[in-house]
């Protein structure tokens, strides 16, 4: 039985992808201590891991990241400075055989450096290949076409990141990552929860990257309040803008107007920030809810209108569901571009969010078989990745090799 500590970014898109792998590792005898925040406790425990609490949930609620990728870096490094003193002591006391760390969990990177524990990186989002992408290219990609307010906010955030990382590096003897390293978090073994064919520049990644496909083999504890499907057997359109940046009442109103009385059933997940009363009247063929059991809904959906979160898009494509993707920030624009590239959907621009245009694009995706065929083609390459079983095999091989190297160095 191996001892494992898992350090993740406590957000649904990053957490959900890991539960099937955790359950598989526990089934094979591993003991996993999983750090997260209170809302994720039920799923962590259901997966068989021991829940460890980072701290108050509120401090992990991200801001709007108005400065792009540098804002993400500054926010996470500020969290890392808060978390590291306690995490270092607790992980050292646990003395795990290896760490599981998320590709965007910078404090996992720093804990690994400080304690010299072998680590496996898990990527539920696209990652840059830090051996092929330069810092200059990454900055150009992130800010080359950014409007002036985003650029200025990004410069301010970069200063915050540099100052915070210098304090951490002086205190702990670490080497904080640059912008490419930050979003790749490369370790000796890197598990990508997608397919090489769907990942940007997928062929550029070497043997230390394993494309294992999305992790879906787990029944999550999800709020299902008012998630009843509208009656009938017409095509089901599922609309969700994720769990973070979903305060979009105008968008939901446009969707309601676009599909009112149309020959579709429509289920809209509006989250907890929008008051339902502000969206009335809602026609009989449309159902609003706070959250839905997404995997169960996608098994019945004909079309998914999504924000483009990697986890949501992967779940849709794994079920062969084409998409209309309306990206809101960050990597969602890149995910939307990949959906278009593989022919599994269409990326929406703000100008497309009109009643007439939504109806037009919906009918296009539902009536033209090529979009369904594109989604099903991705589902096939996803399934070839092997999922949790193949990922667990790779981790056990890695752990065995790490143990052998440690023994050899001690002899």
Protein backbone atom coordinates (compact mmCIF):
# COMPACT_ATOMS: atom_id res chain seq x y z
CA UNK A 1 0.00 0.00 0.00
CA UNK A 2 1.41 3.37 -1.02
CA UNK A 3 0.98 6.62 0.84
CA UNK A 4 -0.11 9.50 -1.40
CA UNK A 5 -0.88 13.19 -0.97
CA UNK A 6 -2.96 14.94 -3.63
CA UNK A 7 -2.77 18.72 -4.09
CA UNK A 8 -5.31 20.21 -6.47
CA UNK A 9 -6.88 23.51 -7.35
CA UNK A 10 -10.26 23.40 -5.53
CA UNK A 11 -12.47 24.18 -8.52
CA UNK A 12 -15.03 21.85 -10.08
CA UNK A 13 -13.30 21.68 -13.46
CA UNK A 14 -10.05 20.54 -11.86
CA UNK A 15 -11.50 18.36 -9.09
CA UNK A 16 -14.12 16.43 -11.08
CA UNK A 17 -11.58 14.97 -13.49
CA UNK A 18 -9.57 13.35 -10.69
CA UNK A 19 -12.20 11.36 -8.79
CA UNK A 20 -12.22 8.27 -11.04
CA UNK A 21 -8.42 8.04 -10.84
CA UNK A 22 -8.46 8.43 -7.06
CA UNK A 23 -11.12 5.71 -6.78
CA UNK A 24 -9.05 3.39 -8.98
CA UNK A 25 -5.87 3.97 -6.98
CA UNK A 26 -7.71 3.38 -3.70
CA UNK A 27 -9.25 0.20 -5.13
CA UNK A 28 -5.71 -1.01 -5.82
CA UNK A 29 -4.63 -0.34 -2.25
CA UNK A 30 -3.26 3.21 -2.20
CA UNK A 31 -3.99 5.47 0.77
CA UNK A 32 -4.63 9.00 -0.49
CA UNK A 33 -4.87 12.20 1.53
CA UNK A 34 -6.62 14.73 -0.73
CA UNK A 35 -6.40 18.46 0.04
CA UNK A 36 -9.44 20.51 -0.98
CA UNK A 37 -12.09 22.83 0.45
CA UNK A 38 -15.33 21.93 2.18
CA UNK A 39 -17.68 21.87 -0.86
CA UNK A 40 -15.62 19.02 -2.31
CA UNK A 41 -15.53 16.89 0.84
CA UNK A 42 -18.40 14.51 -0.18
CA UNK A 43 -16.82 13.61 -3.53
CA UNK A 44 -13.33 13.21 -2.07
CA UNK A 45 -14.67 10.82 0.55
CA UNK A 46 -16.86 9.00 -1.99
CA UNK A 47 -13.76 8.40 -4.11
CA UNK A 48 -12.17 6.67 -1.12
CA UNK A 49 -9.62 9.32 -0.13
CA UNK A 50 -9.10 11.00 3.21
CA UNK A 51 -10.25 14.63 3.06
CA UNK A 52 -7.76 17.27 4.22
CA UNK A 53 -8.92 20.87 4.47
CA UNK A 54 -6.90 23.67 2.87
CA UNK A 55 -8.73 26.37 4.78
CA UNK A 56 -11.70 28.68 4.38
CA UNK A 57 -13.52 28.19 1.10
CA UNK A 58 -13.90 31.93 0.55
CA UNK A 59 -10.20 32.60 -0.01
CA UNK A 60 -10.19 30.12 -2.92
CA UNK A 61 -12.95 31.92 -4.81
CA UNK A 62 -11.17 33.41 -7.83
CA UNK A 63 -11.65 36.98 -8.92
CA UNK A 64 -12.46 37.97 -12.46
CA UNK A 65 -8.77 37.69 -13.49
CA UNK A 66 -9.06 40.93 -15.46
CA UNK A 67 -5.34 40.81 -16.22
CA UNK A 68 -5.41 37.49 -18.05
CA UNK A 69 -2.92 34.73 -17.29
CA UNK A 70 -0.70 36.93 -15.12
CA UNK A 71 -3.70 37.60 -12.87
CA UNK A 72 -4.21 33.87 -12.47
CA UNK A 73 -0.53 33.50 -11.55
CA UNK A 74 -0.64 36.35 -9.02
CA UNK A 75 -3.80 35.02 -7.39
CA UNK A 76 -2.45 31.50 -7.04
CA UNK A 77 0.97 32.59 -5.79
CA UNK A 78 -0.72 34.70 -3.13
CA UNK A 79 -2.61 31.58 -2.06
CA UNK A 80 0.62 29.59 -2.10
CA UNK A 81 2.32 32.05 0.26
CA UNK A 82 -0.60 31.60 2.66
CA UNK A 83 -0.74 27.80 2.37
CA UNK A 84 2.89 26.72 2.21
CA UNK A 85 4.00 26.92 5.87
CA UNK A 86 1.29 24.57 7.06
CA UNK A 87 1.30 22.36 3.95
CA UNK A 88 5.04 21.76 4.15
CA UNK A 89 4.80 20.58 7.75
CA UNK A 90 1.74 18.41 7.17
CA UNK A 91 3.02 16.78 3.97
CA UNK A 92 6.42 16.17 5.58
CA UNK A 93 4.71 14.49 8.55
CA UNK A 94 2.64 12.34 6.17
CA UNK A 95 5.86 11.31 4.37
CA UNK A 96 4.07 10.12 1.20
CA UNK A 97 5.65 7.90 -1.41
CA UNK A 98 4.60 10.35 -4.09
CA UNK A 99 2.47 13.41 -4.75
CA UNK A 100 -0.37 13.91 -7.21
CA UNK A 101 -0.50 17.57 -8.22
CA UNK A 102 -2.69 19.49 -10.65
CA UNK A 103 -1.11 21.18 -13.65
CA UNK A 104 -2.21 24.59 -12.31
CA UNK A 105 -1.47 23.94 -8.63
CA UNK A 106 1.64 26.06 -8.09
CA UNK A 107 1.84 25.22 -4.39
CA UNK A 108 2.06 21.56 -5.38
CA UNK A 109 5.08 22.43 -7.51
CA UNK A 110 6.68 24.31 -4.61
CA UNK A 111 5.97 21.58 -2.05
CA UNK A 112 7.62 19.08 -4.40
CA UNK A 113 10.70 21.27 -4.68
CA UNK A 114 10.98 21.81 -0.92
CA UNK A 115 10.41 18.22 0.21
CA UNK A 116 11.92 16.44 -2.84
CA UNK A 117 9.03 13.98 -3.06
CA UNK A 118 8.41 12.34 -6.47
CA UNK A 119 5.35 13.86 -8.13
CA UNK A 120 2.89 13.10 -10.89
CA UNK A 121 1.25 16.01 -12.68
CA UNK A 122 -2.42 15.64 -13.65
CA UNK A 123 -3.79 17.98 -16.32
CA UNK A 124 -7.53 18.45 -16.68
CA UNK A 125 -6.88 21.44 -18.97
CA UNK A 126 -4.60 22.05 -21.94
CA UNK A 127 -0.95 22.61 -21.01
CA UNK A 128 1.90 24.26 -22.93
CA UNK A 129 4.88 22.11 -23.82
CA UNK A 130 7.62 23.91 -21.90
CA UNK A 131 10.26 22.31 -24.13
CA UNK A 132 8.70 23.71 -27.28
CA UNK A 133 7.02 26.98 -26.22
CA UNK A 134 9.11 29.99 -25.17
CA UNK A 135 8.17 32.61 -22.62
CA UNK A 136 8.00 35.18 -25.41
CA UNK A 137 5.58 33.01 -27.41
CA UNK A 138 3.39 32.41 -24.37
CA UNK A 139 3.22 36.12 -23.56
CA UNK A 140 2.42 36.92 -27.19
CA UNK A 141 -0.35 34.31 -27.17
CA UNK A 142 -1.80 35.66 -23.93
CA UNK A 143 -1.46 39.39 -24.56
CA UNK A 144 -0.68 39.96 -28.24
CA UNK A 145 -4.27 40.96 -29.04
CA UNK A 146 -5.42 41.91 -25.55
CA UNK A 147 -7.19 45.26 -25.11
CA UNK A 148 -5.30 47.95 -23.21
CA UNK A 149 -7.16 47.50 -19.87
CA UNK A 150 -6.31 43.78 -19.84
CA UNK A 151 -2.69 44.51 -20.72
CA UNK A 152 -2.33 47.09 -17.95
CA UNK A 153 -3.99 44.83 -15.40
CA UNK A 154 -1.68 42.03 -16.54
CA UNK A 155 1.41 44.15 -15.93
CA UNK A 156 0.20 44.99 -12.44
CA UNK A 157 -0.53 41.31 -11.76
CA UNK A 158 2.90 40.29 -13.03
CA UNK A 159 4.51 42.66 -10.53
CA UNK A 160 2.48 41.06 -7.75
CA UNK A 161 3.52 37.60 -8.91
CA UNK A 162 7.21 38.52 -9.05
CA UNK A 163 7.22 40.14 -5.61
CA UNK A 164 5.34 37.24 -4.01
CA UNK A 165 7.42 34.54 -5.69
CA UNK A 166 10.66 36.26 -4.61
CA UNK A 167 9.53 36.22 -0.99
CA UNK A 168 8.67 32.53 -1.26
CA UNK A 169 11.92 31.65 -3.03
CA UNK A 170 14.03 33.48 -0.44
CA UNK A 171 12.21 31.77 2.42
CA UNK A 172 12.09 28.22 1.08
CA UNK A 173 14.91 28.02 -1.47
CA UNK A 174 12.51 27.31 -4.33
CA UNK A 175 12.61 28.38 -7.96
CA UNK A 176 9.22 29.82 -8.87
CA UNK A 177 8.02 29.04 -12.41
CA UNK A 178 7.86 31.40 -15.37
CA UNK A 179 4.62 31.76 -17.34
CA UNK A 180 5.21 28.62 -19.44
CA UNK A 181 6.33 26.49 -16.50
CA UNK A 182 3.45 27.78 -14.37
CA UNK A 183 0.78 26.44 -16.70
CA UNK A 184 2.55 23.18 -17.52
CA UNK A 185 3.85 22.18 -14.06
CA UNK A 186 5.92 19.44 -15.72
CA UNK A 187 6.94 16.51 -13.52
CA UNK A 188 8.64 13.19 -14.27
CA UNK A 189 5.24 11.76 -15.22
CA UNK A 190 2.44 13.91 -16.63
CA UNK A 191 -1.08 12.60 -17.16
CA UNK A 192 -3.25 14.55 -19.60
CA UNK A 193 -6.98 13.88 -19.27
CA UNK A 194 -7.62 14.30 -22.99
CA UNK A 195 -6.48 12.82 -26.31
CA UNK A 196 -3.34 13.74 -28.21
CA UNK A 197 -5.55 14.41 -31.24
CA UNK A 198 -7.63 17.00 -29.36
CA UNK A 199 -4.78 18.77 -27.55
CA UNK A 200 -3.12 21.75 -29.30
CA UNK A 201 0.23 20.63 -30.74
CA UNK A 202 -0.41 17.19 -29.25
CA UNK A 203 2.31 15.54 -31.34
CA UNK A 204 4.99 17.74 -29.75
CA UNK A 205 4.76 16.05 -26.33
CA UNK A 206 7.26 13.33 -25.41
CA UNK A 207 7.03 10.03 -23.60
CA UNK A 208 6.79 11.66 -20.16
CA UNK A 209 3.28 12.78 -21.15
CA UNK A 210 0.48 10.18 -21.21
CA UNK A 211 -2.79 11.06 -22.90
CA UNK A 212 -5.28 8.96 -20.95
CA UNK A 213 -8.58 10.57 -22.00
CA UNK A 214 -11.28 12.15 -19.80
CA UNK A 215 -12.09 10.59 -16.45
CA UNK A 216 -15.81 9.80 -16.35
CA UNK A 217 -16.08 6.57 -14.37
CA UNK A 218 -17.40 8.09 -11.13
CA UNK A 219 -20.85 9.01 -9.85
CA UNK A 220 -20.36 12.50 -8.45
CA UNK A 221 -22.40 14.00 -5.63
CA UNK A 222 -24.12 16.83 -7.50
CA UNK A 223 -26.98 19.09 -6.53
CA UNK A 224 -30.03 18.03 -8.54
CA UNK A 225 -32.53 20.56 -7.20
CA UNK A 226 -35.20 21.28 -9.81
CA UNK A 227 -33.26 19.45 -12.51
CA UNK A 228 -36.34 17.78 -13.99
CA UNK A 229 -36.27 17.64 -17.77
CA UNK A 230 -39.11 19.29 -19.66
CA UNK A 231 -41.61 16.65 -20.82
CA UNK A 232 -41.66 15.29 -24.36
CA UNK A 233 -39.34 13.53 -26.76
CA UNK A 234 -38.05 16.51 -28.77
CA UNK A 235 -34.27 17.07 -28.97
CA UNK A 236 -32.79 18.19 -25.65
CA UNK A 237 -30.65 21.34 -25.57
CA UNK A 238 -28.57 21.65 -22.40
CA UNK A 239 -27.17 25.07 -21.47
CA UNK A 240 -24.59 25.66 -18.74
CA UNK A 241 -21.97 28.36 -18.30
CA UNK A 242 -20.02 26.57 -15.59
CA UNK A 243 -19.73 27.20 -11.88
CA UNK A 244 -17.58 30.34 -11.63
CA UNK A 245 -18.36 32.96 -14.29
CA UNK A 246 -22.05 32.15 -14.71
CA UNK A 247 -23.67 35.41 -13.59
CA UNK A 248 -25.09 36.04 -17.07
CA UNK A 249 -28.80 36.94 -16.81
CA UNK A 250 -28.88 38.69 -20.22
CA UNK A 251 -27.47 35.59 -21.89
CA UNK A 252 -30.05 33.35 -20.23
CA UNK A 253 -32.88 35.70 -21.25
CA UNK A 254 -31.72 35.58 -24.85
CA UNK A 255 -31.67 31.78 -24.75
CA UNK A 256 -35.17 31.68 -23.28
CA UNK A 257 -36.47 33.98 -26.02
CA UNK A 258 -34.64 32.04 -28.73
CA UNK A 259 -36.13 28.69 -27.75
CA UNK A 260 -39.56 29.69 -26.44
CA UNK A 261 -42.12 27.43 -28.09
CA UNK A 262 -39.48 25.89 -30.38
CA UNK A 263 -39.50 22.14 -31.15
CA UNK A 264 -36.82 21.53 -28.51
CA UNK A 265 -36.69 20.73 -24.84
CA UNK A 266 -34.28 23.08 -23.07
CA UNK A 267 -32.58 22.67 -19.68
CA UNK A 268 -30.65 25.72 -18.43
CA UNK A 269 -28.35 25.55 -15.41
CA UNK A 270 -28.16 29.13 -14.12
CA UNK A 271 -26.06 28.60 -10.98
CA UNK A 272 -26.71 30.36 -7.69
CA UNK A 273 -26.00 33.98 -8.61
CA UNK A 274 -28.99 34.68 -10.89
CA UNK A 275 -32.46 35.00 -9.37
CA UNK A 276 -34.98 32.94 -11.31
CA UNK A 277 -37.67 35.55 -10.89
CA UNK A 278 -35.65 37.95 -13.04
CA UNK A 279 -35.90 35.49 -15.95
CA UNK A 280 -39.68 35.05 -15.95
CA UNK A 281 -41.76 34.21 -17.87
CA UNK A 282 -40.29 30.81 -18.73
CA UNK A 283 -42.17 28.81 -21.39
CA UNK A 284 -43.27 25.23 -20.85
CA UNK A 285 -40.51 23.67 -22.97
CA UNK A 286 -37.73 25.27 -20.90
CA UNK A 287 -36.62 24.26 -17.42
CA UNK A 288 -34.33 26.39 -15.20
CA UNK A 289 -32.30 24.93 -12.35
CA UNK A 290 -29.37 25.88 -10.15
CA UNK A 291 -27.24 22.84 -10.96
CA UNK A 292 -27.76 19.55 -12.79
CA UNK A 293 -26.25 16.04 -12.75
CA UNK A 294 -24.30 16.93 -15.86
CA UNK A 295 -23.14 13.49 -16.96
CA UNK A 296 -26.68 12.12 -16.73
CA UNK A 297 -28.06 15.04 -18.75
CA UNK A 298 -25.37 14.77 -21.42
CA UNK A 299 -26.33 11.14 -21.99
CA UNK A 300 -29.69 12.47 -23.28
CA UNK A 301 -28.66 15.78 -24.83
CA UNK A 302 -28.59 16.54 -28.56
CA UNK A 303 -26.70 19.83 -28.15
CA UNK A 304 -24.69 21.46 -25.36
CA UNK A 305 -24.32 25.24 -25.17
CA UNK A 306 -21.28 25.73 -22.93
CA UNK A 307 -18.77 28.27 -21.66
CA UNK A 308 -15.98 26.05 -22.95
CA UNK A 309 -14.56 24.77 -19.67
CA UNK A 310 -12.28 21.86 -20.51
CA UNK A 311 -14.02 19.44 -18.18
CA UNK A 312 -17.51 20.23 -19.48
CA UNK A 313 -16.43 20.09 -23.12
CA UNK A 314 -14.63 16.79 -22.57
CA UNK A 315 -17.71 15.29 -20.93
CA UNK A 316 -19.88 16.41 -23.85
CA UNK A 317 -17.53 15.09 -26.53
CA UNK A 318 -17.07 11.81 -24.67
CA UNK A 319 -20.84 11.37 -25.06
CA UNK A 320 -20.77 12.42 -28.72
CA UNK A 321 -22.67 15.67 -28.06
CA UNK A 322 -21.89 18.61 -30.39
CA UNK A 323 -21.43 22.06 -28.91
CA UNK A 324 -22.04 25.75 -29.26
CA UNK A 325 -19.22 27.25 -27.20
CA UNK A 326 -19.46 30.78 -25.79
CA UNK A 327 -16.06 31.26 -24.06
CA UNK A 328 -15.84 33.72 -21.18
CA UNK A 329 -12.15 33.89 -20.25
CA UNK A 330 -8.75 32.24 -20.28
CA UNK A 331 -8.29 28.84 -21.86
CA UNK A 332 -11.98 28.62 -22.79
CA UNK A 333 -11.18 30.48 -26.01
CA UNK A 334 -8.55 27.85 -26.86
CA UNK A 335 -10.94 25.01 -26.03
CA UNK A 336 -13.60 26.58 -28.25
CA UNK A 337 -11.09 26.81 -31.09
CA UNK A 338 -10.25 23.11 -30.72
CA UNK A 339 -13.95 22.17 -30.81
CA UNK A 340 -14.25 24.01 -34.12
CA UNK A 341 -11.01 22.50 -35.44
CA UNK A 342 -12.23 18.92 -34.97
CA UNK A 343 -15.64 19.74 -36.46
CA UNK A 344 -17.59 19.06 -33.26
CA UNK A 345 -19.22 22.45 -32.88
CA UNK A 346 -19.13 26.20 -33.41
CA UNK A 347 -17.55 28.95 -31.36
CA UNK A 348 -19.88 31.82 -30.45
CA UNK A 349 -18.80 35.45 -30.41
CA UNK A 350 -20.70 38.07 -28.37
CA UNK A 351 -22.34 39.26 -31.60
CA UNK A 352 -23.89 35.78 -32.00
CA UNK A 353 -25.89 36.09 -28.78
CA UNK A 354 -29.12 37.19 -30.39
CA UNK A 355 -32.44 35.40 -30.63
CA UNK A 356 -32.24 34.93 -34.39
CA UNK A 357 -28.59 33.88 -34.49
CA UNK A 358 -28.92 31.33 -31.67
CA UNK A 359 -31.90 29.72 -33.40
CA UNK A 360 -30.03 29.65 -36.71
CA UNK A 361 -26.89 28.05 -35.26
CA UNK A 362 -28.89 25.58 -33.19
CA UNK A 363 -30.75 24.35 -36.26
CA UNK A 364 -27.45 24.14 -38.16
CA UNK A 365 -25.83 21.91 -35.54
CA UNK A 366 -28.89 19.70 -35.13
CA UNK A 367 -29.63 19.34 -38.84
CA UNK A 368 -26.12 18.88 -40.26
CA UNK A 369 -24.81 15.37 -39.39
CA UNK A 370 -21.16 16.46 -39.66
CA UNK A 371 -21.20 18.04 -36.20
CA UNK A 372 -22.52 14.92 -34.50
CA UNK A 373 -20.00 12.88 -36.50
CA UNK A 374 -17.19 15.19 -35.36
CA UNK A 375 -18.17 14.81 -31.71
CA UNK A 376 -18.40 11.03 -32.03
CA UNK A 377 -14.95 10.90 -33.66
CA UNK A 378 -13.50 12.66 -30.63
CA UNK A 379 -15.36 10.27 -28.33
CA UNK A 380 -13.60 7.36 -30.04
CA UNK A 381 -10.10 8.80 -29.58
CA UNK A 382 -10.96 9.68 -25.98
CA UNK A 383 -11.94 6.08 -25.27
CA UNK A 384 -8.66 4.78 -26.66
CA UNK A 385 -6.81 6.66 -23.91
CA UNK A 386 -7.88 4.05 -21.38
CA UNK A 387 -9.07 6.34 -18.58
CA UNK A 388 -8.43 5.69 -14.91
CA UNK A 389 -7.10 2.15 -15.34
CA UNK A 390 -4.32 3.19 -17.75
CA UNK A 391 -3.51 6.27 -15.65
CA UNK A 392 -3.20 4.11 -12.52
CA UNK A 393 -0.91 1.68 -14.34
CA UNK A 394 1.37 4.57 -15.30
CA UNK A 395 1.40 5.89 -11.73
CA UNK A 396 2.30 2.49 -10.26
CA UNK A 397 5.13 2.09 -12.78
CA UNK A 398 6.36 5.57 -11.90
CA UNK A 399 6.13 4.92 -8.15
CA UNK A 400 8.01 1.62 -8.47
CA UNK A 401 10.81 3.26 -10.47
CA UNK A 402 11.03 6.13 -7.99
CA UNK A 403 11.31 3.69 -5.10
CA UNK A 404 14.02 1.70 -6.90
CA UNK A 405 16.02 4.87 -7.60
CA UNK A 406 15.73 5.92 -3.95
CA UNK A 407 16.96 2.54 -2.72
CA UNK A 408 19.86 2.58 -5.20
CA UNK A 409 20.93 6.04 -4.08
CA UNK A 410 20.92 4.96 -0.44
CA UNK A 411 23.04 1.85 -0.99
